[in-house]
Structure formats: structure tokens, C-alpha cells
Amino acid sequence: QVQLVESGGGLVQAGGSLRLSCAASGRTFSSYVMGWFRQAPGKERDFVAYITRSSSNTYYTDSVKGRFTISRDNAKNTVTLQMNSLKPEDTAVYYCAAARSGRTYRNPQEYDHWGQGTQVTVSS
């Protein structure tokens, strides 16, 4: 069992930066692929990025490539999302998620545990 808590959301102007953090409980954090998803009002929950168990691989949705960086520290049971050059269209609730196993790790259905979400608002 793993419990996830996001933090670091807030209000930022377009072009600015924000760092999201996800703290995980338990001793099995390194067994999970970790992902970030986001959901804007009236829209479905969309994939943002994932990182594999030992940080050997990362994957990003096209709209954030070159701007966002996902990382993890298994010793601290944390995963972060560094967001640079933020755009108004990045505005959403951002969720941290953990997957025991999956296929592409780009679908919410592949994840077993979710955080409560943290609001990111980017003003123009």
C-alpha cells in the first residue's frame, strides 16, 4: 500500500516556473512507476509524464516536452515535476499517481494509487 500527497501548486504568471512534489508513504515506493496527470475543469484526466522505478526512463506528453522535468528520489520516497515556461493552458489540478505495473503508463487506468491533487493556475 502506498499513500501519495502532492504539494507545490499555486498561482504563477505565464512564462514562470513551479515545482510540484509528491511524497509517498511506505517502504515499497521504488516498486512503482510514478506518473503525473492533470485535469482541467470539464475535461478528462490527461497524462503528463512518468518515470520508471530506478529513473532509467522518462516519458512526457508532447505539449510539455522541453518544459517539464520529472524526477524521483527513492531514498526520500518523493517524485517531483519541475515545470518551466508555464502557459495558461497548463492550468489544471495536477495528480501524482503510482502504478505497480502497466503497458504504456499513459492511461489513468494503469495506476493503482492517487494523490489528492494540487491546483496549478497560470495567468496570462
N, C-alpha and C. Protein backbone atom coordinates (compact mmCIF):
# COMPACT_ATOMS: atom_id res chain seq x y z
N GLN A 1 0.84 -1.19 0.00
CA GLN A 1 0.00 0.00 0.00
C GLN A 1 0.89 1.25 0.00
N VAL A 2 0.48 2.24 -0.76
CA VAL A 2 1.20 3.49 -0.81
C VAL A 2 0.20 4.64 -0.77
N GLN A 3 0.55 5.66 -0.03
CA GLN A 3 -0.26 6.86 0.07
C GLN A 3 0.52 8.04 -0.50
N LEU A 4 -0.13 8.85 -1.30
CA LEU A 4 0.53 9.93 -2.01
C LEU A 4 -0.06 11.29 -1.63
N VAL A 5 0.81 12.26 -1.44
CA VAL A 5 0.38 13.62 -1.11
C VAL A 5 1.16 14.61 -1.96
N GLU A 6 0.44 15.38 -2.78
CA GLU A 6 1.06 16.39 -3.62
C GLU A 6 1.16 17.72 -2.88
N SER A 7 2.13 18.52 -3.30
CA SER A 7 2.26 19.87 -2.80
C SER A 7 3.00 20.71 -3.84
N GLY A 8 2.98 22.01 -3.65
CA GLY A 8 3.75 22.90 -4.51
C GLY A 8 2.95 23.65 -5.55
N GLY A 9 1.66 23.37 -5.64
CA GLY A 9 0.84 24.09 -6.59
C GLY A 9 0.65 25.54 -6.17
N GLY A 10 0.11 26.32 -7.08
CA GLY A 10 -0.13 27.72 -6.79
C GLY A 10 -0.40 28.52 -8.03
N LEU A 11 -0.34 29.83 -7.89
CA LEU A 11 -0.59 30.76 -8.97
C LEU A 11 0.73 31.31 -9.49
N VAL A 12 0.90 31.28 -10.79
CA VAL A 12 2.12 31.78 -11.41
C VAL A 12 1.77 32.44 -12.73
N GLN A 13 2.55 33.43 -13.12
CA GLN A 13 2.34 34.10 -14.39
C GLN A 13 2.90 33.28 -15.54
N ALA A 14 2.33 33.46 -16.72
CA ALA A 14 2.84 32.79 -17.90
C ALA A 14 4.33 33.05 -18.06
N GLY A 15 5.05 31.99 -18.39
CA GLY A 15 6.49 32.08 -18.51
C GLY A 15 7.23 31.74 -17.24
N GLY A 16 6.52 31.64 -16.15
CA GLY A 16 7.12 31.34 -14.88
C GLY A 16 7.34 29.86 -14.65
N SER A 17 7.81 29.53 -13.46
CA SER A 17 8.14 28.15 -13.11
C SER A 17 7.48 27.76 -11.81
N LEU A 18 7.29 26.47 -11.65
CA LEU A 18 6.72 25.91 -10.45
C LEU A 18 7.24 24.49 -10.30
N ARG A 19 7.48 24.07 -9.07
CA ARG A 19 7.92 22.72 -8.80
C ARG A 19 6.91 22.01 -7.93
N LEU A 20 6.35 20.92 -8.45
CA LEU A 20 5.43 20.11 -7.70
C LEU A 20 6.16 18.95 -7.05
N SER A 21 5.72 18.58 -5.87
CA SER A 21 6.32 17.47 -5.16
C SER A 21 5.24 16.48 -4.75
N CYS A 22 5.59 15.23 -4.74
CA CYS A 22 4.70 14.16 -4.31
C CYS A 22 5.44 13.31 -3.30
N ALA A 23 4.91 13.25 -2.09
CA ALA A 23 5.50 12.45 -1.03
C ALA A 23 4.72 11.16 -0.87
N ALA A 24 5.43 10.05 -0.83
CA ALA A 24 4.81 8.74 -0.74
C ALA A 24 5.13 8.07 0.59
N SER A 25 4.17 7.36 1.10
CA SER A 25 4.35 6.59 2.32
C SER A 25 4.84 5.19 1.98
N GLY A 26 5.19 4.45 3.01
CA GLY A 26 5.52 3.05 2.84
C GLY A 26 6.96 2.77 2.45
N ARG A 27 7.26 1.49 2.37
CA ARG A 27 8.62 1.04 2.05
C ARG A 27 8.74 0.45 0.65
N THR A 28 7.68 0.54 -0.14
CA THR A 28 7.66 -0.06 -1.47
C THR A 28 7.63 0.97 -2.59
N PHE A 29 7.99 2.20 -2.30
CA PHE A 29 7.94 3.27 -3.29
C PHE A 29 8.71 2.93 -4.56
N SER A 30 9.89 2.34 -4.41
CA SER A 30 10.73 2.04 -5.55
C SER A 30 10.15 0.95 -6.45
N SER A 31 9.11 0.28 -6.01
CA SER A 31 8.47 -0.76 -6.80
C SER A 31 7.45 -0.20 -7.79
N TYR A 32 7.18 1.09 -7.71
CA TYR A 32 6.15 1.71 -8.54
C TYR A 32 6.73 2.60 -9.62
N VAL A 33 6.12 2.53 -10.78
CA VAL A 33 6.29 3.58 -11.78
C VAL A 33 5.42 4.75 -11.33
N MET A 34 5.99 5.95 -11.39
CA MET A 34 5.29 7.13 -10.91
C MET A 34 4.92 8.04 -12.07
N GLY A 35 3.71 8.53 -12.03
CA GLY A 35 3.23 9.39 -13.09
C GLY A 35 2.60 10.66 -12.57
N TRP A 36 2.55 11.65 -13.43
CA TRP A 36 1.81 12.88 -13.18
C TRP A 36 0.71 13.01 -14.23
N PHE A 37 -0.48 13.34 -13.78
CA PHE A 37 -1.62 13.61 -14.64
C PHE A 37 -2.19 14.97 -14.28
N ARG A 38 -2.99 15.51 -15.18
CA ARG A 38 -3.64 16.78 -14.88
C ARG A 38 -5.06 16.79 -15.43
N GLN A 39 -5.90 17.56 -14.79
CA GLN A 39 -7.29 17.64 -15.17
C GLN A 39 -7.80 19.06 -15.04
N ALA A 40 -8.22 19.62 -16.16
CA ALA A 40 -8.82 20.94 -16.19
C ALA A 40 -10.33 20.80 -16.05
N PRO A 41 -11.01 21.85 -15.60
CA PRO A 41 -12.46 21.76 -15.44
C PRO A 41 -13.16 21.35 -16.72
N GLY A 42 -14.05 20.37 -16.61
CA GLY A 42 -14.81 19.90 -17.75
C GLY A 42 -14.06 19.00 -18.70
N LYS A 43 -12.82 18.66 -18.39
CA LYS A 43 -12.02 17.82 -19.26
C LYS A 43 -11.61 16.54 -18.54
N GLU A 44 -11.19 15.57 -19.31
CA GLU A 44 -10.77 14.30 -18.73
C GLU A 44 -9.37 14.43 -18.13
N ARG A 45 -9.03 13.47 -17.31
CA ARG A 45 -7.72 13.45 -16.70
C ARG A 45 -6.69 12.99 -17.73
N ASP A 46 -5.70 13.83 -18.00
CA ASP A 46 -4.74 13.57 -19.06
C ASP A 46 -3.35 13.31 -18.52
N PHE A 47 -2.63 12.46 -19.24
CA PHE A 47 -1.27 12.11 -18.90
C PHE A 47 -0.33 13.29 -19.10
N VAL A 48 0.61 13.46 -18.19
CA VAL A 48 1.63 14.49 -18.29
C VAL A 48 3.02 13.87 -18.44
N ALA A 49 3.40 13.01 -17.50
CA ALA A 49 4.74 12.42 -17.52
C ALA A 49 4.78 11.21 -16.61
N TYR A 50 5.74 10.32 -16.87
CA TYR A 50 6.00 9.24 -15.94
C TYR A 50 7.50 8.99 -15.84
N ILE A 51 7.88 8.34 -14.77
CA ILE A 51 9.26 7.97 -14.54
C ILE A 51 9.30 6.54 -14.01
N THR A 52 10.23 5.75 -14.51
CA THR A 52 10.28 4.35 -14.13
C THR A 52 10.94 4.16 -12.77
N ARG A 53 10.99 2.92 -12.32
CA ARG A 53 11.31 2.62 -10.94
C ARG A 53 12.67 3.10 -10.47
N SER A 54 13.66 2.99 -11.32
CA SER A 54 15.00 3.42 -10.96
C SER A 54 15.44 4.65 -11.76
N SER A 55 14.48 5.39 -12.28
CA SER A 55 14.71 6.60 -13.05
C SER A 55 15.44 6.35 -14.36
N SER A 56 15.38 5.12 -14.86
CA SER A 56 16.07 4.79 -16.09
C SER A 56 15.37 5.34 -17.33
N ASN A 57 14.07 5.59 -17.21
CA ASN A 57 13.31 6.10 -18.34
C ASN A 57 12.28 7.12 -17.88
N THR A 58 12.08 8.12 -18.72
CA THR A 58 11.01 9.09 -18.52
C THR A 58 10.26 9.27 -19.83
N TYR A 59 9.03 9.71 -19.72
CA TYR A 59 8.21 9.94 -20.90
C TYR A 59 7.28 11.10 -20.63
N TYR A 60 7.12 11.96 -21.63
CA TYR A 60 6.30 13.16 -21.49
C TYR A 60 5.29 13.27 -22.61
N THR A 61 4.15 13.84 -22.30
CA THR A 61 3.21 14.17 -23.34
C THR A 61 3.80 15.31 -24.17
N ASP A 62 3.44 15.35 -25.45
CA ASP A 62 4.07 16.29 -26.38
C ASP A 62 4.00 17.75 -25.92
N SER A 63 2.89 18.13 -25.33
CA SER A 63 2.68 19.53 -25.00
C SER A 63 3.60 20.05 -23.90
N VAL A 64 4.26 19.16 -23.16
CA VAL A 64 5.13 19.61 -22.08
C VAL A 64 6.59 19.28 -22.32
N LYS A 65 6.90 18.59 -23.40
CA LYS A 65 8.28 18.23 -23.69
C LYS A 65 9.16 19.47 -23.81
N GLY A 66 10.30 19.42 -23.16
CA GLY A 66 11.22 20.54 -23.17
C GLY A 66 10.93 21.58 -22.12
N ARG A 67 9.77 21.49 -21.48
CA ARG A 67 9.39 22.45 -20.44
C ARG A 67 9.30 21.82 -19.05
N PHE A 68 8.83 20.59 -19.00
CA PHE A 68 8.65 19.89 -17.72
C PHE A 68 9.71 18.82 -17.55
N THR A 69 10.10 18.57 -16.31
CA THR A 69 11.03 17.51 -15.99
C THR A 69 10.53 16.73 -14.79
N ILE A 70 10.40 15.42 -14.96
CA ILE A 70 10.00 14.56 -13.85
C ILE A 70 11.24 13.90 -13.27
N SER A 71 11.28 13.76 -11.96
CA SER A 71 12.39 13.10 -11.30
C SER A 71 11.89 12.42 -10.04
N ARG A 72 12.71 11.52 -9.50
CA ARG A 72 12.32 10.85 -8.26
C ARG A 72 13.55 10.59 -7.41
N ASP A 73 13.31 10.48 -6.12
CA ASP A 73 14.34 10.14 -5.16
C ASP A 73 13.79 9.01 -4.32
N ASN A 74 14.20 7.80 -4.63
CA ASN A 74 13.65 6.64 -3.93
C ASN A 74 14.06 6.59 -2.46
N ALA A 75 15.19 7.19 -2.13
CA ALA A 75 15.62 7.24 -0.74
C ALA A 75 14.73 8.14 0.09
N LYS A 76 14.13 9.14 -0.55
CA LYS A 76 13.24 10.07 0.14
C LYS A 76 11.77 9.80 -0.13
N ASN A 77 11.49 8.81 -0.96
CA ASN A 77 10.11 8.49 -1.33
C ASN A 77 9.38 9.70 -1.92
N THR A 78 10.05 10.37 -2.85
CA THR A 78 9.44 11.54 -3.46
C THR A 78 9.59 11.50 -4.98
N VAL A 79 8.65 12.13 -5.64
CA VAL A 79 8.72 12.37 -7.07
C VAL A 79 8.36 13.83 -7.28
N THR A 80 9.06 14.47 -8.20
CA THR A 80 8.83 15.89 -8.44
C THR A 80 8.54 16.14 -9.91
N LEU A 81 7.89 17.25 -10.15
CA LEU A 81 7.64 17.72 -11.50
C LEU A 81 8.07 19.17 -11.57
N GLN A 82 9.18 19.43 -12.22
CA GLN A 82 9.66 20.78 -12.42
C GLN A 82 9.01 21.32 -13.69
N MET A 83 8.27 22.41 -13.56
CA MET A 83 7.53 22.99 -14.66
C MET A 83 8.09 24.37 -14.97
N ASN A 84 8.62 24.52 -16.16
CA ASN A 84 9.17 25.79 -16.61
C ASN A 84 8.38 26.32 -17.80
N SER A 85 8.57 27.59 -18.10
CA SER A 85 7.90 28.23 -19.23
C SER A 85 6.41 27.92 -19.25
N LEU A 86 5.78 28.10 -18.12
CA LEU A 86 4.38 27.73 -17.98
C LEU A 86 3.48 28.58 -18.86
N LYS A 87 2.43 27.94 -19.34
CA LYS A 87 1.44 28.55 -20.21
C LYS A 87 0.07 28.49 -19.56
N PRO A 88 -0.83 29.40 -19.93
CA PRO A 88 -2.19 29.33 -19.36
C PRO A 88 -2.86 27.98 -19.57
N GLU A 89 -2.57 27.31 -20.67
CA GLU A 89 -3.17 26.01 -20.93
C GLU A 89 -2.64 24.90 -20.02
N ASP A 90 -1.62 25.20 -19.22
CA ASP A 90 -1.15 24.25 -18.21
C ASP A 90 -2.01 24.28 -16.96
N THR A 91 -2.91 25.23 -16.87
CA THR A 91 -3.77 25.36 -15.70
C THR A 91 -4.62 24.10 -15.52
N ALA A 92 -4.52 23.50 -14.35
CA ALA A 92 -5.24 22.27 -14.07
C ALA A 92 -4.95 21.84 -12.64
N VAL A 93 -5.68 20.85 -12.19
CA VAL A 93 -5.32 20.15 -10.97
C VAL A 93 -4.35 19.04 -11.37
N TYR A 94 -3.22 19.00 -10.72
CA TYR A 94 -2.19 18.03 -11.03
C TYR A 94 -2.20 16.91 -10.00
N TYR A 95 -2.18 15.68 -10.49
CA TYR A 95 -2.24 14.50 -9.64
C TYR A 95 -0.99 13.64 -9.79
N CYS A 96 -0.50 13.18 -8.68
CA CYS A 96 0.56 12.19 -8.63
C CYS A 96 -0.07 10.81 -8.56
N ALA A 97 0.49 9.84 -9.25
CA ALA A 97 -0.07 8.50 -9.27
C ALA A 97 1.04 7.45 -9.29
N ALA A 98 0.72 6.27 -8.76
CA ALA A 98 1.67 5.17 -8.68
C ALA A 98 1.09 3.92 -9.33
N ALA A 99 1.90 3.27 -10.15
CA ALA A 99 1.49 2.06 -10.86
C ALA A 99 2.41 0.90 -10.52
N ARG A 100 1.83 -0.21 -10.09
CA ARG A 100 2.61 -1.42 -9.84
C ARG A 100 3.13 -2.00 -11.14
N SER A 101 2.28 -1.99 -12.14
CA SER A 101 2.63 -2.49 -13.46
C SER A 101 1.72 -1.85 -14.48
N GLY A 102 2.14 -1.88 -15.74
CA GLY A 102 1.33 -1.28 -16.78
C GLY A 102 1.86 -1.62 -18.15
N ARG A 103 1.25 -0.98 -19.15
CA ARG A 103 1.67 -1.20 -20.52
C ARG A 103 2.44 0.01 -21.04
N THR A 104 1.76 1.14 -21.19
CA THR A 104 2.39 2.37 -21.65
C THR A 104 2.55 3.40 -20.54
N TYR A 105 1.87 3.23 -19.45
CA TYR A 105 1.87 4.13 -18.31
C TYR A 105 1.35 5.51 -18.67
N ARG A 106 0.55 5.60 -19.72
CA ARG A 106 -0.02 6.87 -20.15
C ARG A 106 -1.51 6.97 -19.89
N ASN A 107 -2.08 5.93 -19.32
CA ASN A 107 -3.51 5.90 -19.07
C ASN A 107 -3.80 5.85 -17.58
N PRO A 108 -4.75 6.63 -17.11
CA PRO A 108 -5.07 6.61 -15.68
C PRO A 108 -5.43 5.23 -15.16
N GLN A 109 -6.03 4.40 -16.01
CA GLN A 109 -6.45 3.07 -15.60
C GLN A 109 -5.30 2.17 -15.20
N GLU A 110 -4.10 2.51 -15.60
CA GLU A 110 -2.94 1.70 -15.27
C GLU A 110 -2.38 1.98 -13.87
N TYR A 111 -2.88 3.01 -13.23
CA TYR A 111 -2.35 3.42 -11.94
C TYR A 111 -3.22 2.95 -10.79
N ASP A 112 -2.56 2.56 -9.71
CA ASP A 112 -3.23 1.94 -8.58
C ASP A 112 -3.51 2.90 -7.42
N HIS A 113 -2.69 3.93 -7.29
CA HIS A 113 -2.82 4.87 -6.19
C HIS A 113 -2.72 6.29 -6.70
N TRP A 114 -3.48 7.18 -6.08
CA TRP A 114 -3.54 8.57 -6.48
C TRP A 114 -3.45 9.51 -5.30
N GLY A 115 -2.83 10.65 -5.53
CA GLY A 115 -2.85 11.71 -4.54
C GLY A 115 -4.12 12.51 -4.64
N GLN A 116 -4.26 13.50 -3.78
CA GLN A 116 -5.47 14.32 -3.72
C GLN A 116 -5.48 15.42 -4.77
N GLY A 117 -4.35 15.71 -5.36
CA GLY A 117 -4.26 16.74 -6.37
C GLY A 117 -3.83 18.08 -5.81
N THR A 118 -3.18 18.87 -6.63
CA THR A 118 -2.78 20.22 -6.27
C THR A 118 -3.05 21.16 -7.44
N GLN A 119 -3.62 22.31 -7.14
CA GLN A 119 -4.04 23.24 -8.18
C GLN A 119 -2.87 24.05 -8.71
N VAL A 120 -2.75 24.09 -10.02
CA VAL A 120 -1.79 24.95 -10.70
C VAL A 120 -2.56 25.91 -11.59
N THR A 121 -2.37 27.20 -11.37
CA THR A 121 -3.04 28.21 -12.17
C THR A 121 -2.00 29.12 -12.80
N VAL A 122 -2.05 29.23 -14.11
CA VAL A 122 -1.12 30.06 -14.85
C VAL A 122 -1.89 31.21 -15.47
N SER A 123 -1.56 32.42 -15.10
CA SER A 123 -2.25 33.60 -15.59
C SER A 123 -1.52 34.18 -16.80
N SER A 124 -2.28 34.80 -17.69
CA SER A 124 -1.71 35.41 -18.88
C SER A 124 -1.38 36.87 -18.65
